[in-house]
Amino acid sequence: MQFACANDELRPSLNYIYFNGGYAYATNAHILVKNYLKECSTFSDDDIEKLNGKFLSPLDYADILKYDIVSVEPNGLRCKKNNRSVLFYFADVPELKFPNADALIERNISMKNEPVEKISINIKLLQQLNKSLYNSDKCELEFKSEGVVLFRSKDKFDKGIGLIMVIKND
């Protein structure tokens, strides 16, 4: 997920991973990733509920992946491995407001698929999307009418989804 985050002073909410409604979101305005927490974590329903509305630094997220046990506390994620315990704090920036990613995803899902002969795509963005989207080794692509490619796992039970902006070739 950390690879999908931005480094943008003008849109600071894009610099974080955002948790809401049982999902983790990340975007840099060129790609958008939505991962279902029950698929990509071992969090309980109670822990997932506690994550709602929280922001986490992508650097902290990368470090958290190195730990065996992760639990949710009111002010962050407690991580344990061997005899070591570390607390990674949630971002304490009250003015952060994550974009309405679900509305963007739903808008793109509802668009008709468009036959596309050729597209141009930034391969680095594609690699970032691949690293960020859980279970993305086998995806189906849907080409949408406004220059967006929708990525979904071939596993119909997998709820994660990704979007990437493309350059249409005329």
N, C-alpha and C. Protein backbone atom coordinates (compact mmCIF):
# COMPACT_ATOMS: atom_id res chain seq x y z
N MET A 1 0.82 -1.20 0.00
CA MET A 1 0.00 0.00 0.00
C MET A 1 0.86 1.25 0.00
N GLN A 2 2.01 1.17 0.64
CA GLN A 2 2.84 2.36 0.77
C GLN A 2 3.31 2.89 -0.58
N PHE A 3 3.35 2.04 -1.59
CA PHE A 3 3.82 2.46 -2.91
C PHE A 3 2.79 3.30 -3.66
N ALA A 4 1.56 3.26 -3.23
CA ALA A 4 0.51 4.03 -3.88
C ALA A 4 0.32 5.42 -3.29
N CYS A 5 1.01 5.71 -2.20
CA CYS A 5 0.88 7.02 -1.55
C CYS A 5 1.66 8.09 -2.30
N ALA A 6 1.19 9.31 -2.16
CA ALA A 6 1.84 10.47 -2.77
C ALA A 6 2.88 11.06 -1.82
N ASN A 7 3.61 12.01 -2.34
CA ASN A 7 4.48 12.88 -1.55
C ASN A 7 4.16 14.29 -2.03
N ASP A 8 3.04 14.81 -1.54
CA ASP A 8 2.43 16.00 -2.11
C ASP A 8 2.10 17.01 -1.01
N GLU A 9 2.82 18.11 -0.97
CA GLU A 9 2.58 19.14 0.04
C GLU A 9 1.22 19.81 -0.11
N LEU A 10 0.71 19.89 -1.34
CA LEU A 10 -0.57 20.55 -1.58
C LEU A 10 -1.77 19.68 -1.24
N ARG A 11 -1.59 18.36 -1.26
CA ARG A 11 -2.67 17.43 -0.92
C ARG A 11 -2.14 16.42 0.11
N PRO A 12 -1.96 16.87 1.34
CA PRO A 12 -1.30 16.02 2.35
C PRO A 12 -2.04 14.73 2.67
N SER A 13 -3.35 14.67 2.48
CA SER A 13 -4.07 13.43 2.80
C SER A 13 -3.65 12.28 1.88
N LEU A 14 -3.10 12.62 0.71
CA LEU A 14 -2.65 11.59 -0.23
C LEU A 14 -1.31 10.98 0.20
N ASN A 15 -0.69 11.57 1.21
CA ASN A 15 0.60 11.08 1.69
C ASN A 15 0.46 9.95 2.71
N TYR A 16 -0.76 9.50 2.94
CA TYR A 16 -1.02 8.51 3.99
C TYR A 16 -1.87 7.37 3.46
N ILE A 17 -1.85 6.28 4.20
CA ILE A 17 -2.79 5.19 4.00
C ILE A 17 -3.98 5.50 4.91
N TYR A 18 -5.17 5.37 4.37
CA TYR A 18 -6.39 5.72 5.08
C TYR A 18 -7.23 4.46 5.29
N PHE A 19 -7.80 4.33 6.47
CA PHE A 19 -8.62 3.18 6.81
C PHE A 19 -10.07 3.62 7.00
N ASN A 20 -10.98 2.87 6.38
CA ASN A 20 -12.40 3.18 6.56
C ASN A 20 -13.26 2.03 6.06
N GLY A 21 -14.28 1.69 6.84
CA GLY A 21 -15.26 0.71 6.42
C GLY A 21 -14.70 -0.67 6.12
N GLY A 22 -13.63 -1.05 6.80
CA GLY A 22 -13.06 -2.36 6.57
C GLY A 22 -12.05 -2.42 5.44
N TYR A 23 -11.69 -1.25 4.91
CA TYR A 23 -10.74 -1.18 3.79
C TYR A 23 -9.57 -0.26 4.13
N ALA A 24 -8.47 -0.49 3.44
CA ALA A 24 -7.32 0.42 3.48
C ALA A 24 -7.21 1.04 2.09
N TYR A 25 -7.03 2.36 2.05
CA TYR A 25 -6.97 3.10 0.80
C TYR A 25 -5.63 3.83 0.68
N ALA A 26 -5.15 3.94 -0.54
CA ALA A 26 -3.97 4.76 -0.81
C ALA A 26 -4.08 5.28 -2.24
N THR A 27 -3.64 6.51 -2.44
CA THR A 27 -3.65 7.09 -3.79
C THR A 27 -2.59 8.16 -3.91
N ASN A 28 -2.10 8.32 -5.11
CA ASN A 28 -1.20 9.43 -5.42
C ASN A 28 -1.80 10.31 -6.51
N ALA A 29 -3.09 10.15 -6.77
CA ALA A 29 -3.87 10.86 -7.79
C ALA A 29 -3.68 10.28 -9.18
N HIS A 30 -2.76 9.35 -9.37
CA HIS A 30 -2.59 8.66 -10.65
C HIS A 30 -3.02 7.21 -10.54
N ILE A 31 -2.85 6.65 -9.35
CA ILE A 31 -3.35 5.31 -9.06
C ILE A 31 -4.12 5.38 -7.75
N LEU A 32 -5.05 4.46 -7.61
CA LEU A 32 -5.85 4.36 -6.39
C LEU A 32 -5.95 2.89 -6.04
N VAL A 33 -5.71 2.55 -4.79
CA VAL A 33 -5.77 1.18 -4.32
C VAL A 33 -6.74 1.10 -3.15
N LYS A 34 -7.57 0.07 -3.18
CA LYS A 34 -8.52 -0.21 -2.10
C LYS A 34 -8.37 -1.69 -1.76
N ASN A 35 -7.83 -1.98 -0.57
CA ASN A 35 -7.64 -3.35 -0.13
C ASN A 35 -8.58 -3.68 1.03
N TYR A 36 -9.20 -4.84 0.95
CA TYR A 36 -10.12 -5.32 1.98
C TYR A 36 -9.31 -5.87 3.13
N LEU A 37 -9.46 -5.30 4.32
CA LEU A 37 -8.62 -5.66 5.45
C LEU A 37 -8.78 -7.12 5.89
N LYS A 38 -9.94 -7.70 5.73
CA LYS A 38 -10.12 -9.10 6.11
C LYS A 38 -9.33 -10.03 5.19
N GLU A 39 -8.98 -9.57 4.01
CA GLU A 39 -8.20 -10.39 3.07
C GLU A 39 -6.70 -10.20 3.24
N CYS A 40 -6.30 -9.01 3.63
CA CYS A 40 -4.87 -8.70 3.63
C CYS A 40 -4.29 -8.52 5.03
N SER A 41 -5.06 -8.86 6.06
CA SER A 41 -4.57 -8.73 7.44
C SER A 41 -5.20 -9.81 8.31
N THR A 42 -4.74 -9.88 9.53
CA THR A 42 -5.33 -10.81 10.49
C THR A 42 -6.12 -10.06 11.57
N PHE A 43 -6.49 -8.83 11.29
CA PHE A 43 -7.23 -8.03 12.25
C PHE A 43 -8.61 -8.62 12.52
N SER A 44 -9.03 -8.53 13.76
CA SER A 44 -10.39 -8.94 14.13
C SER A 44 -11.38 -7.86 13.65
N ASP A 45 -12.66 -8.20 13.67
CA ASP A 45 -13.69 -7.21 13.30
C ASP A 45 -13.61 -5.99 14.21
N ASP A 46 -13.34 -6.22 15.48
CA ASP A 46 -13.23 -5.12 16.45
C ASP A 46 -12.04 -4.21 16.10
N ASP A 47 -10.90 -4.82 15.77
CA ASP A 47 -9.72 -4.03 15.38
C ASP A 47 -9.99 -3.23 14.10
N ILE A 48 -10.65 -3.87 13.15
CA ILE A 48 -10.97 -3.17 11.89
C ILE A 48 -11.86 -1.97 12.15
N GLU A 49 -12.82 -2.13 13.05
CA GLU A 49 -13.71 -1.03 13.42
C GLU A 49 -12.92 0.12 14.05
N LYS A 50 -11.93 -0.20 14.88
CA LYS A 50 -11.11 0.83 15.54
C LYS A 50 -10.27 1.62 14.53
N LEU A 51 -10.00 1.04 13.37
CA LEU A 51 -9.18 1.71 12.36
C LEU A 51 -9.94 2.79 11.58
N ASN A 52 -11.27 2.76 11.64
CA ASN A 52 -12.07 3.69 10.84
C ASN A 52 -11.63 5.14 11.03
N GLY A 53 -11.36 5.80 9.90
CA GLY A 53 -11.00 7.21 9.92
C GLY A 53 -9.55 7.50 10.27
N LYS A 54 -8.74 6.48 10.46
CA LYS A 54 -7.33 6.67 10.85
C LYS A 54 -6.44 6.78 9.62
N PHE A 55 -5.36 7.55 9.79
CA PHE A 55 -4.33 7.71 8.76
C PHE A 55 -3.02 7.15 9.29
N LEU A 56 -2.27 6.49 8.42
CA LEU A 56 -0.99 5.90 8.81
C LEU A 56 0.07 6.26 7.78
N SER A 57 1.23 6.63 8.25
CA SER A 57 2.35 6.95 7.37
C SER A 57 2.73 5.73 6.53
N PRO A 58 3.03 5.92 5.25
CA PRO A 58 3.47 4.79 4.43
C PRO A 58 4.80 4.20 4.90
N LEU A 59 5.66 5.02 5.50
CA LEU A 59 6.92 4.50 6.03
C LEU A 59 6.66 3.59 7.23
N ASP A 60 5.72 3.98 8.08
CA ASP A 60 5.34 3.13 9.21
C ASP A 60 4.71 1.83 8.70
N TYR A 61 3.86 1.94 7.71
CA TYR A 61 3.22 0.76 7.14
C TYR A 61 4.27 -0.24 6.66
N ALA A 62 5.29 0.25 5.96
CA ALA A 62 6.36 -0.63 5.47
C ALA A 62 7.07 -1.33 6.63
N ASP A 63 7.30 -0.61 7.71
CA ASP A 63 7.94 -1.21 8.89
C ASP A 63 7.03 -2.24 9.57
N ILE A 64 5.75 -1.96 9.61
CA ILE A 64 4.80 -2.85 10.27
C ILE A 64 4.81 -4.23 9.61
N LEU A 65 5.03 -4.28 8.32
CA LEU A 65 5.04 -5.56 7.60
C LEU A 65 6.14 -6.50 8.08
N LYS A 66 7.11 -5.98 8.80
CA LYS A 66 8.23 -6.79 9.29
C LYS A 66 7.90 -7.52 10.60
N TYR A 67 6.76 -7.22 11.20
CA TYR A 67 6.40 -7.78 12.50
C TYR A 67 5.44 -8.95 12.36
N ASP A 68 5.48 -9.84 13.35
CA ASP A 68 4.64 -11.03 13.34
C ASP A 68 3.24 -10.77 13.88
N ILE A 69 3.14 -9.93 14.89
CA ILE A 69 1.86 -9.67 15.55
C ILE A 69 1.58 -8.17 15.50
N VAL A 70 0.39 -7.82 15.00
CA VAL A 70 -0.02 -6.42 14.93
C VAL A 70 -1.41 -6.30 15.55
N SER A 71 -1.55 -5.37 16.48
CA SER A 71 -2.85 -5.13 17.10
C SER A 71 -3.14 -3.63 17.08
N VAL A 72 -4.42 -3.32 17.14
CA VAL A 72 -4.85 -1.93 17.07
C VAL A 72 -5.05 -1.39 18.48
N GLU A 73 -4.43 -0.24 18.74
CA GLU A 73 -4.62 0.48 19.99
C GLU A 73 -5.24 1.83 19.64
N PRO A 74 -5.77 2.55 20.61
CA PRO A 74 -6.45 3.81 20.30
C PRO A 74 -5.59 4.82 19.52
N ASN A 75 -4.29 4.85 19.78
CA ASN A 75 -3.46 5.87 19.12
C ASN A 75 -2.48 5.30 18.10
N GLY A 76 -2.58 4.01 17.80
CA GLY A 76 -1.68 3.46 16.79
C GLY A 76 -1.73 1.95 16.69
N LEU A 77 -0.76 1.40 16.00
CA LEU A 77 -0.66 -0.04 15.80
C LEU A 77 0.50 -0.58 16.63
N ARG A 78 0.21 -1.51 17.52
CA ARG A 78 1.22 -2.16 18.35
C ARG A 78 1.74 -3.38 17.59
N CYS A 79 3.05 -3.43 17.39
CA CYS A 79 3.68 -4.50 16.63
C CYS A 79 4.68 -5.25 17.50
N LYS A 80 4.65 -6.58 17.37
CA LYS A 80 5.54 -7.40 18.19
C LYS A 80 6.23 -8.45 17.33
N LYS A 81 7.49 -8.67 17.68
CA LYS A 81 8.27 -9.74 17.07
C LYS A 81 9.36 -10.11 18.07
N ASN A 82 9.42 -11.40 18.36
CA ASN A 82 10.34 -11.89 19.40
C ASN A 82 10.07 -11.13 20.70
N ASN A 83 11.05 -10.49 21.27
CA ASN A 83 10.86 -9.75 22.52
C ASN A 83 10.70 -8.25 22.29
N ARG A 84 10.53 -7.84 21.06
CA ARG A 84 10.45 -6.43 20.73
C ARG A 84 8.99 -6.01 20.52
N SER A 85 8.63 -4.87 21.08
CA SER A 85 7.30 -4.31 20.92
C SER A 85 7.43 -2.83 20.54
N VAL A 86 6.74 -2.42 19.50
CA VAL A 86 6.83 -1.05 19.00
C VAL A 86 5.42 -0.55 18.72
N LEU A 87 5.17 0.72 19.02
CA LEU A 87 3.90 1.34 18.68
C LEU A 87 4.12 2.33 17.54
N PHE A 88 3.41 2.11 16.44
CA PHE A 88 3.44 3.05 15.31
C PHE A 88 2.18 3.90 15.43
N TYR A 89 2.38 5.20 15.64
CA TYR A 89 1.28 6.11 15.89
C TYR A 89 0.54 6.45 14.60
N PHE A 90 -0.79 6.59 14.74
CA PHE A 90 -1.59 7.12 13.64
C PHE A 90 -1.21 8.59 13.44
N ALA A 91 -1.37 9.08 12.22
CA ALA A 91 -1.09 10.48 11.93
C ALA A 91 -2.07 11.34 12.74
N ASP A 92 -1.55 12.32 13.42
CA ASP A 92 -2.36 13.21 14.24
C ASP A 92 -2.46 14.56 13.52
N VAL A 93 -3.21 14.55 12.43
CA VAL A 93 -3.38 15.75 11.62
C VAL A 93 -4.89 15.92 11.37
N PRO A 94 -5.56 16.63 12.27
CA PRO A 94 -7.03 16.69 12.23
C PRO A 94 -7.60 17.27 10.93
N GLU A 95 -6.85 18.08 10.22
CA GLU A 95 -7.39 18.70 9.01
C GLU A 95 -7.36 17.76 7.80
N LEU A 96 -6.78 16.57 7.94
CA LEU A 96 -6.73 15.64 6.81
C LEU A 96 -8.12 15.14 6.46
N LYS A 97 -8.42 15.15 5.18
CA LYS A 97 -9.67 14.59 4.68
C LYS A 97 -9.33 13.80 3.42
N PHE A 98 -9.53 12.49 3.48
CA PHE A 98 -9.20 11.65 2.34
C PHE A 98 -10.26 11.84 1.26
N PRO A 99 -9.85 11.83 -0.02
CA PRO A 99 -10.83 11.97 -1.10
C PRO A 99 -11.87 10.85 -1.04
N ASN A 100 -13.02 11.07 -1.62
CA ASN A 100 -14.07 10.07 -1.64
C ASN A 100 -13.73 8.99 -2.67
N ALA A 101 -12.86 8.08 -2.26
CA ALA A 101 -12.37 7.04 -3.17
C ALA A 101 -13.49 6.12 -3.61
N ASP A 102 -14.41 5.80 -2.72
CA ASP A 102 -15.50 4.90 -3.10
C ASP A 102 -16.38 5.49 -4.19
N ALA A 103 -16.63 6.78 -4.14
CA ALA A 103 -17.43 7.41 -5.19
C ALA A 103 -16.70 7.33 -6.54
N LEU A 104 -15.41 7.56 -6.54
CA LEU A 104 -14.62 7.46 -7.77
C LEU A 104 -14.62 6.03 -8.30
N ILE A 105 -14.44 5.07 -7.42
CA ILE A 105 -14.45 3.67 -7.84
C ILE A 105 -15.81 3.30 -8.40
N GLU A 106 -16.87 3.64 -7.68
CA GLU A 106 -18.23 3.30 -8.15
C GLU A 106 -18.54 3.96 -9.48
N ARG A 107 -18.11 5.21 -9.64
CA ARG A 107 -18.33 5.90 -10.92
C ARG A 107 -17.65 5.15 -12.05
N ASN A 108 -16.43 4.68 -11.82
CA ASN A 108 -15.70 3.97 -12.86
C ASN A 108 -16.24 2.57 -13.09
N ILE A 109 -16.70 1.90 -12.05
CA ILE A 109 -17.30 0.59 -12.24
C ILE A 109 -18.55 0.69 -13.09
N SER A 110 -19.34 1.75 -12.87
CA SER A 110 -20.61 1.89 -13.59
C SER A 110 -20.42 2.36 -15.03
N MET A 111 -19.24 2.87 -15.37
CA MET A 111 -18.99 3.28 -16.76
C MET A 111 -18.95 2.06 -17.67
N LYS A 112 -19.36 2.28 -18.89
CA LYS A 112 -19.28 1.17 -19.85
C LYS A 112 -17.82 0.90 -20.18
N ASN A 113 -17.54 -0.36 -20.42
CA ASN A 113 -16.21 -0.72 -20.89
C ASN A 113 -16.06 -0.24 -22.33
N GLU A 114 -14.88 0.15 -22.67
CA GLU A 114 -14.65 0.72 -24.00
C GLU A 114 -13.59 -0.12 -24.73
N PRO A 115 -13.90 -0.52 -25.96
CA PRO A 115 -12.86 -1.23 -26.71
C PRO A 115 -11.70 -0.28 -26.99
N VAL A 116 -10.52 -0.73 -26.67
CA VAL A 116 -9.34 0.10 -26.82
C VAL A 116 -8.33 -0.67 -27.66
N GLU A 117 -7.89 -0.04 -28.74
CA GLU A 117 -6.91 -0.70 -29.59
C GLU A 117 -5.52 -0.61 -28.99
N LYS A 118 -5.23 0.55 -28.40
CA LYS A 118 -3.90 0.77 -27.86
C LYS A 118 -3.98 1.81 -26.75
N ILE A 119 -3.17 1.63 -25.71
CA ILE A 119 -3.08 2.62 -24.65
C ILE A 119 -1.61 2.87 -24.34
N SER A 120 -1.38 4.01 -23.76
CA SER A 120 -0.06 4.31 -23.20
C SER A 120 -0.22 4.35 -21.69
N ILE A 121 0.76 3.78 -21.02
CA ILE A 121 0.67 3.70 -19.57
C ILE A 121 2.06 3.91 -18.99
N ASN A 122 2.12 4.59 -17.87
CA ASN A 122 3.39 4.79 -17.18
C ASN A 122 3.70 3.49 -16.43
N ILE A 123 4.71 2.79 -16.88
CA ILE A 123 5.02 1.48 -16.32
C ILE A 123 5.37 1.57 -14.83
N LYS A 124 5.94 2.68 -14.40
CA LYS A 124 6.24 2.84 -12.98
C LYS A 124 4.96 2.88 -12.15
N LEU A 125 3.92 3.52 -12.68
CA LEU A 125 2.64 3.54 -11.97
C LEU A 125 2.05 2.14 -11.92
N LEU A 126 2.19 1.40 -13.00
CA LEU A 126 1.70 0.03 -13.03
C LEU A 126 2.43 -0.83 -12.00
N GLN A 127 3.72 -0.65 -11.88
CA GLN A 127 4.50 -1.38 -10.89
C GLN A 127 4.09 -0.99 -9.47
N GLN A 128 3.84 0.29 -9.25
CA GLN A 128 3.38 0.75 -7.92
C GLN A 128 2.03 0.13 -7.59
N LEU A 129 1.16 0.08 -8.58
CA LEU A 129 -0.16 -0.51 -8.37
C LEU A 129 -0.03 -2.00 -8.04
N ASN A 130 0.82 -2.69 -8.78
CA ASN A 130 1.04 -4.11 -8.54
C ASN A 130 1.57 -4.37 -7.13
N LYS A 131 2.48 -3.55 -6.66
CA LYS A 131 3.04 -3.73 -5.31
C LYS A 131 2.04 -3.37 -4.22
N SER A 132 1.07 -2.54 -4.54
CA SER A 132 0.15 -2.01 -3.53
C SER A 132 -1.16 -2.79 -3.42
N LEU A 133 -1.58 -3.39 -4.50
CA LEU A 133 -2.86 -4.08 -4.52
C LEU A 133 -2.68 -5.51 -4.05
N TYR A 134 -3.35 -5.87 -2.98
CA TYR A 134 -3.24 -7.21 -2.43
C TYR A 134 -3.71 -8.24 -3.44
N ASN A 135 -2.96 -9.33 -3.56
CA ASN A 135 -3.33 -10.45 -4.42
C ASN A 135 -3.48 -10.02 -5.88
N SER A 136 -2.54 -9.22 -6.36
CA SER A 136 -2.66 -8.67 -7.72
C SER A 136 -1.88 -9.46 -8.76
N ASP A 137 -1.43 -10.65 -8.42
CA ASP A 137 -0.65 -11.41 -9.39
C ASP A 137 -1.49 -11.89 -10.57
N LYS A 138 -2.80 -12.01 -10.39
CA LYS A 138 -3.70 -12.38 -11.48
C LYS A 138 -4.89 -11.44 -11.45
N CYS A 139 -4.87 -10.47 -12.36
CA CYS A 139 -5.93 -9.46 -12.39
C CYS A 139 -6.65 -9.46 -13.74
N GLU A 140 -7.87 -9.00 -13.68
CA GLU A 140 -8.61 -8.70 -14.89
C GLU A 140 -8.61 -7.18 -15.04
N LEU A 141 -8.47 -6.72 -16.26
CA LEU A 141 -8.46 -5.29 -16.54
C LEU A 141 -9.74 -4.92 -17.27
N GLU A 142 -10.30 -3.79 -16.87
CA GLU A 142 -11.46 -3.24 -17.57
C GLU A 142 -11.07 -1.85 -18.04
N PHE A 143 -11.20 -1.61 -19.33
CA PHE A 143 -10.86 -0.31 -19.90
C PHE A 143 -12.12 0.54 -19.92
N LYS A 144 -12.06 1.66 -19.22
CA LYS A 144 -13.22 2.51 -19.07
C LYS A 144 -13.10 3.72 -20.00
N SER A 145 -14.23 4.39 -20.20
CA SER A 145 -14.32 5.40 -21.25
C SER A 145 -13.60 6.71 -20.97
N GLU A 146 -13.13 6.93 -19.77
CA GLU A 146 -12.47 8.20 -19.48
C GLU A 146 -10.98 8.04 -19.20
N GLY A 147 -10.34 7.05 -19.84
CA GLY A 147 -8.91 6.89 -19.68
C GLY A 147 -8.50 6.27 -18.37
N VAL A 148 -9.35 5.41 -17.82
CA VAL A 148 -9.06 4.73 -16.56
C VAL A 148 -9.06 3.22 -16.82
N VAL A 149 -8.11 2.53 -16.21
CA VAL A 149 -8.13 1.08 -16.24
C VAL A 149 -8.45 0.61 -14.83
N LEU A 150 -9.43 -0.26 -14.73
CA LEU A 150 -9.88 -0.82 -13.47
C LEU A 150 -9.25 -2.21 -13.32
N PHE A 151 -8.58 -2.45 -12.19
CA PHE A 151 -7.93 -3.72 -11.90
C PHE A 151 -8.73 -4.45 -10.85
N ARG A 152 -9.06 -5.71 -11.13
CA ARG A 152 -9.72 -6.56 -10.15
C ARG A 152 -9.04 -7.92 -10.16
N SER A 153 -8.98 -8.53 -9.01
CA SER A 153 -8.42 -9.87 -8.92
C SER A 153 -9.29 -10.83 -9.72
N LYS A 154 -8.68 -11.83 -10.31
CA LYS A 154 -9.45 -12.87 -10.99
C LYS A 154 -10.25 -13.70 -10.01
N ASP A 155 -9.86 -13.69 -8.75
CA ASP A 155 -10.60 -14.37 -7.70
C ASP A 155 -11.84 -13.53 -7.40
N LYS A 156 -12.99 -14.01 -7.74
CA LYS A 156 -14.24 -13.24 -7.60
C LYS A 156 -14.57 -12.89 -6.15
N PHE A 157 -13.96 -13.61 -5.19
CA PHE A 157 -14.22 -13.33 -3.79
C PHE A 157 -13.29 -12.25 -3.25
N ASP A 158 -12.26 -11.92 -3.99
CA ASP A 158 -11.30 -10.90 -3.56
C ASP A 158 -11.94 -9.54 -3.78
N LYS A 159 -11.99 -8.72 -2.73
CA LYS A 159 -12.70 -7.44 -2.81
C LYS A 159 -11.79 -6.25 -3.09
N GLY A 160 -10.49 -6.46 -3.20
CA GLY A 160 -9.58 -5.36 -3.50
C GLY A 160 -9.78 -4.86 -4.92
N ILE A 161 -9.45 -3.60 -5.13
CA ILE A 161 -9.62 -3.00 -6.45
C ILE A 161 -8.58 -1.91 -6.65
N GLY A 162 -8.16 -1.70 -7.87
CA GLY A 162 -7.21 -0.65 -8.19
C GLY A 162 -7.63 0.10 -9.43
N LEU A 163 -7.28 1.37 -9.48
CA LEU A 163 -7.50 2.20 -10.65
C LEU A 163 -6.18 2.80 -11.07
N ILE A 164 -5.99 2.95 -12.38
CA ILE A 164 -4.80 3.64 -12.88
C ILE A 164 -5.25 4.51 -14.05
N MET A 165 -4.72 5.72 -14.08
CA MET A 165 -5.01 6.62 -15.18
C MET A 165 -4.09 6.27 -16.35
N VAL A 166 -4.63 6.29 -17.54
CA VAL A 166 -3.83 5.98 -18.73
C VAL A 166 -3.90 7.16 -19.68
N ILE A 167 -3.01 7.13 -20.66
CA ILE A 167 -3.01 8.14 -21.72
C ILE A 167 -3.60 7.48 -22.93
N LYS A 168 -4.75 7.98 -23.38
CA LYS A 168 -5.39 7.39 -24.55
C LYS A 168 -4.63 7.78 -25.81
N ASN A 169 -4.44 6.82 -26.67
CA ASN A 169 -3.84 7.09 -27.97
C ASN A 169 -4.96 7.28 -28.97
N ASP A 170 -4.96 8.39 -29.65
CA ASP A 170 -6.01 8.64 -30.66
C ASP A 170 -5.53 8.25 -32.04
